Amino acid sequence: MAPMVLDEVDDSLRVTIQNLYELIIQSNDHHGPTTQNAQANSIRSLARNLAHLSNLAAQHSDAANPSSKSSIPAIPPEIIQYVEEGRNPDIYTREFVEVVQKHNQLLKGRADAMTRFQYVLAREMKGAMPELEGSVRQIVEATGGKLD
């Protein structure tokens, strides 16, 4: 982001925070219709400031990557659910990593079993049909194996 854009975002955030602070004070110190009018004005101002921030974000994402709609990364719904339930999203990440590791171990085991099966099958085919030894060796080597 360019410094000018950062300054504009910074100013807009400051004004938005000030609006929120004013709303908190007005809610705490409520004095009837005059306070309601002030709250309505503060809410309108807050909405304008949030819209301005949204426009700045949209302009920045369009300038940074014209082909994408938003440069904000998508958050998986599971993480949002964890946070809404008051849980730590790091727990989700840890559990996800554990599941991926288990899945990788399973796939590695399958790949190792297929490799061992390939060697056993090649050895047995070579023993049963010696005339196919050259073809068997060629197939095993083409698939990344090595026949003894």
N, C-alpha and C. Protein backbone atom coordinates (compact mmCIF):
# COMPACT_ATOMS: atom_id res chain seq x y z
N MET A 1 0.84 -1.18 0.00
CA MET A 1 0.00 0.00 0.00
C MET A 1 0.88 1.24 0.00
N ALA A 2 0.47 2.22 -0.73
CA ALA A 2 1.20 3.48 -0.80
C ALA A 2 1.01 4.24 0.51
N PRO A 3 2.01 5.06 0.88
CA PRO A 3 1.90 5.82 2.13
C PRO A 3 0.66 6.70 2.19
N MET A 4 0.26 7.28 1.04
CA MET A 4 -0.92 8.14 1.03
C MET A 4 -2.17 7.34 1.37
N VAL A 5 -2.27 6.13 0.82
CA VAL A 5 -3.42 5.28 1.11
C VAL A 5 -3.40 4.86 2.58
N LEU A 6 -2.22 4.54 3.10
CA LEU A 6 -2.12 4.16 4.51
C LEU A 6 -2.54 5.31 5.42
N ASP A 7 -2.15 6.53 5.07
CA ASP A 7 -2.56 7.69 5.87
C ASP A 7 -4.08 7.85 5.85
N GLU A 8 -4.67 7.65 4.68
CA GLU A 8 -6.12 7.78 4.57
C GLU A 8 -6.84 6.69 5.38
N VAL A 9 -6.30 5.47 5.31
CA VAL A 9 -6.88 4.37 6.10
C VAL A 9 -6.71 4.66 7.58
N ASP A 10 -5.54 5.15 7.97
CA ASP A 10 -5.29 5.47 9.37
C ASP A 10 -6.27 6.54 9.86
N ASP A 11 -6.46 7.58 9.09
CA ASP A 11 -7.40 8.64 9.47
C ASP A 11 -8.82 8.09 9.59
N SER A 12 -9.21 7.29 8.62
CA SER A 12 -10.56 6.73 8.63
C SER A 12 -10.76 5.80 9.83
N LEU A 13 -9.74 5.02 10.16
CA LEU A 13 -9.85 4.15 11.35
C LEU A 13 -9.95 4.97 12.63
N ARG A 14 -9.19 6.04 12.71
CA ARG A 14 -9.26 6.90 13.90
C ARG A 14 -10.66 7.50 14.07
N VAL A 15 -11.23 7.97 12.98
CA VAL A 15 -12.57 8.55 13.04
C VAL A 15 -13.59 7.48 13.42
N THR A 16 -13.44 6.28 12.88
CA THR A 16 -14.36 5.19 13.20
C THR A 16 -14.27 4.82 14.67
N ILE A 17 -13.05 4.75 15.20
CA ILE A 17 -12.86 4.44 16.62
C ILE A 17 -13.47 5.55 17.47
N GLN A 18 -13.30 6.79 17.05
CA GLN A 18 -13.90 7.91 17.78
C GLN A 18 -15.42 7.80 17.79
N ASN A 19 -16.01 7.42 16.63
CA ASN A 19 -17.47 7.22 16.57
C ASN A 19 -17.92 6.15 17.55
N LEU A 20 -17.19 5.06 17.59
CA LEU A 20 -17.55 3.97 18.51
C LEU A 20 -17.44 4.43 19.96
N TYR A 21 -16.39 5.18 20.26
CA TYR A 21 -16.21 5.70 21.62
C TYR A 21 -17.37 6.62 22.00
N GLU A 22 -17.77 7.50 21.08
CA GLU A 22 -18.89 8.40 21.34
C GLU A 22 -20.18 7.61 21.58
N LEU A 23 -20.38 6.55 20.79
CA LEU A 23 -21.57 5.72 20.98
C LEU A 23 -21.58 5.04 22.36
N ILE A 24 -20.42 4.60 22.80
CA ILE A 24 -20.32 3.98 24.13
C ILE A 24 -20.69 5.00 25.21
N ILE A 25 -20.14 6.21 25.09
CA ILE A 25 -20.42 7.26 26.08
C ILE A 25 -21.90 7.61 26.06
N GLN A 26 -22.47 7.76 24.87
CA GLN A 26 -23.88 8.13 24.76
C GLN A 26 -24.78 7.02 25.31
N SER A 27 -24.39 5.79 25.13
CA SER A 27 -25.19 4.68 25.66
C SER A 27 -25.11 4.64 27.18
N ASN A 28 -23.95 4.95 27.71
CA ASN A 28 -23.76 4.94 29.15
C ASN A 28 -24.46 6.11 29.84
N ASP A 29 -24.47 7.24 29.17
CA ASP A 29 -24.99 8.47 29.77
C ASP A 29 -26.22 8.93 28.98
N HIS A 30 -27.24 8.14 28.99
CA HIS A 30 -28.43 8.39 28.17
C HIS A 30 -29.34 9.40 28.87
N HIS A 31 -29.75 10.48 28.12
CA HIS A 31 -30.61 11.52 28.69
C HIS A 31 -31.84 11.79 27.84
N GLY A 32 -32.42 10.77 27.29
CA GLY A 32 -33.67 10.95 26.55
C GLY A 32 -33.48 11.27 25.08
N PRO A 33 -34.43 12.08 24.53
CA PRO A 33 -34.46 12.33 23.09
C PRO A 33 -33.19 13.00 22.54
N THR A 34 -32.58 13.88 23.30
CA THR A 34 -31.37 14.54 22.78
C THR A 34 -30.25 13.52 22.58
N THR A 35 -30.14 12.60 23.51
CA THR A 35 -29.13 11.55 23.39
C THR A 35 -29.46 10.63 22.22
N GLN A 36 -30.75 10.35 22.03
CA GLN A 36 -31.15 9.48 20.91
C GLN A 36 -30.79 10.13 19.58
N ASN A 37 -31.01 11.44 19.46
CA ASN A 37 -30.63 12.14 18.23
C ASN A 37 -29.12 12.10 18.02
N ALA A 38 -28.38 12.31 19.08
CA ALA A 38 -26.92 12.26 18.97
C ALA A 38 -26.45 10.86 18.59
N GLN A 39 -27.10 9.83 19.17
CA GLN A 39 -26.75 8.44 18.82
C GLN A 39 -27.06 8.16 17.36
N ALA A 40 -28.19 8.63 16.89
CA ALA A 40 -28.55 8.42 15.48
C ALA A 40 -27.52 9.07 14.56
N ASN A 41 -27.09 10.29 14.92
CA ASN A 41 -26.06 10.97 14.12
C ASN A 41 -24.73 10.21 14.17
N SER A 42 -24.38 9.72 15.34
CA SER A 42 -23.14 8.96 15.48
C SER A 42 -23.20 7.66 14.68
N ILE A 43 -24.36 7.02 14.68
CA ILE A 43 -24.51 5.77 13.93
C ILE A 43 -24.41 6.05 12.43
N ARG A 44 -25.03 7.14 11.97
CA ARG A 44 -24.92 7.50 10.55
C ARG A 44 -23.46 7.79 10.17
N SER A 45 -22.78 8.51 11.04
CA SER A 45 -21.37 8.83 10.80
C SER A 45 -20.52 7.54 10.79
N LEU A 46 -20.81 6.64 11.71
CA LEU A 46 -20.10 5.37 11.76
C LEU A 46 -20.33 4.58 10.48
N ALA A 47 -21.55 4.54 10.01
CA ALA A 47 -21.87 3.82 8.77
C ALA A 47 -21.12 4.43 7.59
N ARG A 48 -21.07 5.76 7.52
CA ARG A 48 -20.32 6.43 6.44
C ARG A 48 -18.84 6.08 6.50
N ASN A 49 -18.29 6.11 7.72
CA ASN A 49 -16.86 5.81 7.87
C ASN A 49 -16.55 4.35 7.51
N LEU A 50 -17.42 3.45 7.92
CA LEU A 50 -17.20 2.04 7.58
C LEU A 50 -17.33 1.82 6.07
N ALA A 51 -18.27 2.51 5.43
CA ALA A 51 -18.39 2.42 3.98
C ALA A 51 -17.14 2.97 3.30
N HIS A 52 -16.61 4.06 3.84
CA HIS A 52 -15.39 4.64 3.28
C HIS A 52 -14.22 3.65 3.41
N LEU A 53 -14.10 3.02 4.57
CA LEU A 53 -13.05 2.01 4.77
C LEU A 53 -13.22 0.85 3.79
N SER A 54 -14.45 0.43 3.60
CA SER A 54 -14.72 -0.66 2.67
C SER A 54 -14.33 -0.26 1.25
N ASN A 55 -14.65 0.97 0.86
CA ASN A 55 -14.25 1.46 -0.46
C ASN A 55 -12.75 1.50 -0.61
N LEU A 56 -12.04 1.93 0.43
CA LEU A 56 -10.57 1.96 0.38
C LEU A 56 -10.02 0.55 0.20
N ALA A 57 -10.59 -0.39 0.93
CA ALA A 57 -10.13 -1.78 0.81
C ALA A 57 -10.40 -2.31 -0.59
N ALA A 58 -11.56 -2.00 -1.13
CA ALA A 58 -11.91 -2.47 -2.48
C ALA A 58 -10.99 -1.84 -3.51
N GLN A 59 -10.70 -0.55 -3.36
CA GLN A 59 -9.81 0.13 -4.31
C GLN A 59 -8.41 -0.47 -4.24
N HIS A 60 -7.95 -0.76 -3.02
CA HIS A 60 -6.61 -1.32 -2.86
C HIS A 60 -6.54 -2.72 -3.45
N SER A 61 -7.56 -3.54 -3.21
CA SER A 61 -7.52 -4.90 -3.74
C SER A 61 -7.64 -4.89 -5.26
N ASP A 62 -8.41 -3.96 -5.83
CA ASP A 62 -8.52 -3.85 -7.29
C ASP A 62 -7.19 -3.40 -7.88
N ALA A 63 -6.52 -2.48 -7.21
CA ALA A 63 -5.24 -1.98 -7.73
C ALA A 63 -4.15 -3.03 -7.58
N ALA A 64 -4.18 -3.79 -6.49
CA ALA A 64 -3.14 -4.79 -6.25
C ALA A 64 -3.29 -5.99 -7.16
N ASN A 65 -4.51 -6.43 -7.41
CA ASN A 65 -4.75 -7.60 -8.23
C ASN A 65 -6.05 -7.40 -9.01
N PRO A 66 -5.97 -6.85 -10.20
CA PRO A 66 -7.19 -6.52 -10.94
C PRO A 66 -8.05 -7.73 -11.28
N SER A 67 -7.46 -8.91 -11.34
CA SER A 67 -8.24 -10.09 -11.75
C SER A 67 -9.05 -10.70 -10.61
N SER A 68 -8.71 -10.38 -9.36
CA SER A 68 -9.45 -10.97 -8.24
C SER A 68 -10.40 -9.95 -7.64
N LYS A 69 -11.46 -10.45 -7.02
CA LYS A 69 -12.45 -9.55 -6.41
C LYS A 69 -11.95 -8.99 -5.08
N SER A 70 -11.19 -9.81 -4.33
CA SER A 70 -10.74 -9.38 -3.02
C SER A 70 -9.41 -10.03 -2.70
N SER A 71 -8.51 -9.26 -2.06
CA SER A 71 -7.23 -9.81 -1.67
C SER A 71 -7.28 -10.34 -0.24
N ILE A 72 -8.45 -10.29 0.37
CA ILE A 72 -8.62 -10.81 1.72
C ILE A 72 -8.74 -12.33 1.63
N PRO A 73 -7.90 -13.07 2.36
CA PRO A 73 -7.97 -14.52 2.25
C PRO A 73 -9.27 -15.06 2.86
N ALA A 74 -9.76 -16.13 2.27
CA ALA A 74 -10.98 -16.75 2.78
C ALA A 74 -10.66 -17.51 4.06
N ILE A 75 -11.51 -17.37 5.04
CA ILE A 75 -11.33 -18.07 6.31
C ILE A 75 -12.25 -19.28 6.31
N PRO A 76 -11.69 -20.46 6.55
CA PRO A 76 -12.55 -21.65 6.56
C PRO A 76 -13.66 -21.52 7.60
N PRO A 77 -14.87 -21.98 7.25
CA PRO A 77 -16.00 -21.86 8.18
C PRO A 77 -15.75 -22.59 9.50
N GLU A 78 -14.94 -23.64 9.47
CA GLU A 78 -14.65 -24.38 10.70
C GLU A 78 -13.92 -23.50 11.71
N ILE A 79 -13.00 -22.66 11.22
CA ILE A 79 -12.27 -21.77 12.13
C ILE A 79 -13.21 -20.72 12.70
N ILE A 80 -14.09 -20.19 11.86
CA ILE A 80 -15.07 -19.21 12.34
C ILE A 80 -15.94 -19.85 13.42
N GLN A 81 -16.36 -21.08 13.20
CA GLN A 81 -17.18 -21.79 14.19
C GLN A 81 -16.41 -21.97 15.49
N TYR A 82 -15.12 -22.33 15.42
CA TYR A 82 -14.30 -22.47 16.62
C TYR A 82 -14.28 -21.17 17.41
N VAL A 83 -14.07 -20.06 16.71
CA VAL A 83 -13.98 -18.77 17.40
C VAL A 83 -15.34 -18.41 18.00
N GLU A 84 -16.42 -18.66 17.25
CA GLU A 84 -17.76 -18.35 17.77
C GLU A 84 -18.08 -19.17 19.01
N GLU A 85 -17.53 -20.37 19.10
CA GLU A 85 -17.75 -21.22 20.27
C GLU A 85 -16.79 -20.87 21.41
N GLY A 86 -15.95 -19.86 21.20
CA GLY A 86 -15.03 -19.44 22.25
C GLY A 86 -13.79 -20.31 22.34
N ARG A 87 -13.54 -21.10 21.30
CA ARG A 87 -12.36 -21.97 21.30
C ARG A 87 -11.22 -21.30 20.56
N ASN A 88 -10.04 -21.80 20.82
CA ASN A 88 -8.83 -21.25 20.22
C ASN A 88 -8.67 -21.83 18.81
N PRO A 89 -8.53 -20.99 17.77
CA PRO A 89 -8.36 -21.52 16.41
C PRO A 89 -7.08 -22.31 16.24
N ASP A 90 -6.11 -22.13 17.15
CA ASP A 90 -4.89 -22.93 17.07
C ASP A 90 -5.19 -24.40 17.30
N ILE A 91 -6.24 -24.68 18.08
CA ILE A 91 -6.63 -26.07 18.30
C ILE A 91 -7.07 -26.68 16.98
N TYR A 92 -7.85 -25.94 16.20
CA TYR A 92 -8.29 -26.42 14.89
C TYR A 92 -7.07 -26.69 14.00
N THR A 93 -6.11 -25.77 14.01
CA THR A 93 -4.92 -25.92 13.19
C THR A 93 -4.15 -27.17 13.60
N ARG A 94 -3.98 -27.37 14.91
CA ARG A 94 -3.25 -28.54 15.41
C ARG A 94 -3.97 -29.82 15.02
N GLU A 95 -5.28 -29.86 15.20
CA GLU A 95 -6.05 -31.05 14.84
C GLU A 95 -5.98 -31.30 13.34
N PHE A 96 -6.04 -30.24 12.53
CA PHE A 96 -5.96 -30.37 11.08
C PHE A 96 -4.61 -30.95 10.68
N VAL A 97 -3.54 -30.46 11.29
CA VAL A 97 -2.20 -30.96 10.98
C VAL A 97 -2.09 -32.43 11.35
N GLU A 98 -2.66 -32.81 12.50
CA GLU A 98 -2.62 -34.22 12.91
C GLU A 98 -3.36 -35.10 11.92
N VAL A 99 -4.52 -34.66 11.44
CA VAL A 99 -5.28 -35.44 10.46
C VAL A 99 -4.50 -35.57 9.16
N VAL A 100 -3.87 -34.49 8.72
CA VAL A 100 -3.08 -34.53 7.49
C VAL A 100 -1.89 -35.48 7.66
N GLN A 101 -1.23 -35.45 8.82
CA GLN A 101 -0.11 -36.35 9.07
C GLN A 101 -0.55 -37.81 9.03
N LYS A 102 -1.69 -38.11 9.65
CA LYS A 102 -2.21 -39.48 9.63
C LYS A 102 -2.52 -39.91 8.20
N HIS A 103 -3.13 -39.02 7.45
CA HIS A 103 -3.46 -39.33 6.05
C HIS A 103 -2.19 -39.55 5.23
N ASN A 104 -1.18 -38.72 5.45
CA ASN A 104 0.09 -38.88 4.75
C ASN A 104 0.75 -40.21 5.11
N GLN A 105 0.69 -40.60 6.38
CA GLN A 105 1.25 -41.88 6.80
C GLN A 105 0.53 -43.04 6.11
N LEU A 106 -0.79 -42.92 6.02
CA LEU A 106 -1.58 -43.95 5.35
C LEU A 106 -1.20 -44.06 3.88
N LEU A 107 -1.09 -42.92 3.21
CA LEU A 107 -0.70 -42.94 1.80
C LEU A 107 0.71 -43.45 1.60
N LYS A 108 1.63 -43.10 2.51
CA LYS A 108 3.00 -43.61 2.41
C LYS A 108 3.01 -45.12 2.60
N GLY A 109 2.20 -45.61 3.52
CA GLY A 109 2.12 -47.05 3.73
C GLY A 109 1.59 -47.75 2.48
N ARG A 110 0.58 -47.17 1.86
CA ARG A 110 0.04 -47.77 0.63
C ARG A 110 1.08 -47.76 -0.48
N ALA A 111 1.80 -46.64 -0.62
CA ALA A 111 2.82 -46.55 -1.67
C ALA A 111 3.93 -47.57 -1.42
N ASP A 112 4.36 -47.72 -0.17
CA ASP A 112 5.39 -48.71 0.16
C ASP A 112 4.90 -50.12 -0.13
N ALA A 113 3.64 -50.39 0.21
CA ALA A 113 3.07 -51.72 -0.05
C ALA A 113 3.02 -52.00 -1.54
N MET A 114 2.63 -51.00 -2.34
CA MET A 114 2.58 -51.18 -3.80
C MET A 114 3.98 -51.41 -4.36
N THR A 115 4.97 -50.71 -3.83
CA THR A 115 6.35 -50.91 -4.29
C THR A 115 6.82 -52.32 -3.98
N ARG A 116 6.56 -52.80 -2.75
CA ARG A 116 6.93 -54.18 -2.39
C ARG A 116 6.18 -55.18 -3.27
N PHE A 117 4.89 -54.91 -3.52
CA PHE A 117 4.12 -55.80 -4.38
C PHE A 117 4.70 -55.83 -5.79
N GLN A 118 5.11 -54.67 -6.29
CA GLN A 118 5.71 -54.61 -7.62
C GLN A 118 6.95 -55.50 -7.70
N TYR A 119 7.82 -55.45 -6.68
CA TYR A 119 9.03 -56.27 -6.69
C TYR A 119 8.69 -57.76 -6.60
N VAL A 120 7.74 -58.10 -5.74
CA VAL A 120 7.35 -59.51 -5.59
C VAL A 120 6.75 -60.01 -6.90
N LEU A 121 5.84 -59.23 -7.49
CA LEU A 121 5.20 -59.63 -8.74
C LEU A 121 6.23 -59.77 -9.86
N ALA A 122 7.15 -58.81 -9.95
CA ALA A 122 8.19 -58.88 -10.99
C ALA A 122 9.07 -60.10 -10.79
N ARG A 123 9.46 -60.38 -9.56
CA ARG A 123 10.31 -61.55 -9.28
C ARG A 123 9.60 -62.84 -9.63
N GLU A 124 8.31 -62.91 -9.25
CA GLU A 124 7.54 -64.12 -9.54
C GLU A 124 7.30 -64.29 -11.04
N MET A 125 7.03 -63.19 -11.75
CA MET A 125 6.82 -63.28 -13.20
C MET A 125 8.12 -63.68 -13.90
N LYS A 126 9.22 -63.14 -13.43
CA LYS A 126 10.52 -63.48 -14.01
C LYS A 126 10.85 -64.95 -13.78
N GLY A 127 10.49 -65.46 -12.60
CA GLY A 127 10.74 -66.87 -12.30
C GLY A 127 9.81 -67.79 -13.07
N ALA A 128 8.56 -67.41 -13.23
CA ALA A 128 7.58 -68.28 -13.89
C ALA A 128 7.70 -68.20 -15.41
N MET A 129 8.04 -67.01 -15.93
CA MET A 129 8.13 -66.84 -17.38
C MET A 129 9.45 -66.13 -17.71
N PRO A 130 10.55 -66.88 -17.76
CA PRO A 130 11.87 -66.26 -18.01
C PRO A 130 11.94 -65.50 -19.33
N GLU A 131 11.12 -65.85 -20.30
CA GLU A 131 11.16 -65.17 -21.59
C GLU A 131 10.67 -63.72 -21.50
N LEU A 132 9.95 -63.36 -20.41
CA LEU A 132 9.45 -62.00 -20.21
C LEU A 132 10.36 -61.15 -19.33
N GLU A 133 11.54 -61.69 -18.98
CA GLU A 133 12.42 -60.98 -18.05
C GLU A 133 12.77 -59.57 -18.55
N GLY A 134 13.07 -59.42 -19.83
CA GLY A 134 13.41 -58.10 -20.39
C GLY A 134 12.24 -57.14 -20.29
N SER A 135 11.03 -57.60 -20.61
CA SER A 135 9.84 -56.74 -20.53
C SER A 135 9.54 -56.36 -19.09
N VAL A 136 9.67 -57.34 -18.19
CA VAL A 136 9.40 -57.08 -16.77
C VAL A 136 10.39 -56.04 -16.24
N ARG A 137 11.67 -56.23 -16.57
CA ARG A 137 12.71 -55.29 -16.11
C ARG A 137 12.42 -53.88 -16.66
N GLN A 138 12.03 -53.79 -17.93
CA GLN A 138 11.74 -52.51 -18.56
C GLN A 138 10.55 -51.82 -17.87
N ILE A 139 9.50 -52.56 -17.56
CA ILE A 139 8.33 -51.99 -16.90
C ILE A 139 8.67 -51.52 -15.50
N VAL A 140 9.43 -52.33 -14.76
CA VAL A 140 9.79 -51.96 -13.39
C VAL A 140 10.66 -50.70 -13.40
N GLU A 141 11.61 -50.62 -14.29
CA GLU A 141 12.48 -49.45 -14.36
C GLU A 141 11.71 -48.21 -14.85
N ALA A 142 10.74 -48.40 -15.74
CA ALA A 142 9.92 -47.27 -16.23
C ALA A 142 9.06 -46.69 -15.14
N THR A 143 8.71 -47.49 -14.15
CA THR A 143 7.85 -47.01 -13.06
C THR A 143 8.69 -46.56 -11.86
N GLY A 144 10.01 -46.43 -12.05
CA GLY A 144 10.85 -45.88 -10.99
C GLY A 144 11.45 -46.93 -10.09
N GLY A 145 11.26 -48.19 -10.37
CA GLY A 145 11.84 -49.25 -9.54
C GLY A 145 13.13 -49.77 -10.13
N LYS A 146 13.74 -50.67 -9.39
CA LYS A 146 14.97 -51.29 -9.87
C LYS A 146 14.91 -52.76 -9.51
N LEU A 147 15.08 -53.60 -10.51
CA LEU A 147 15.00 -55.04 -10.32
C LEU A 147 16.40 -55.58 -10.05
N ASP A 148 16.55 -56.50 -9.05
CA ASP A 148 17.87 -57.04 -8.75
C ASP A 148 18.33 -58.03 -9.75
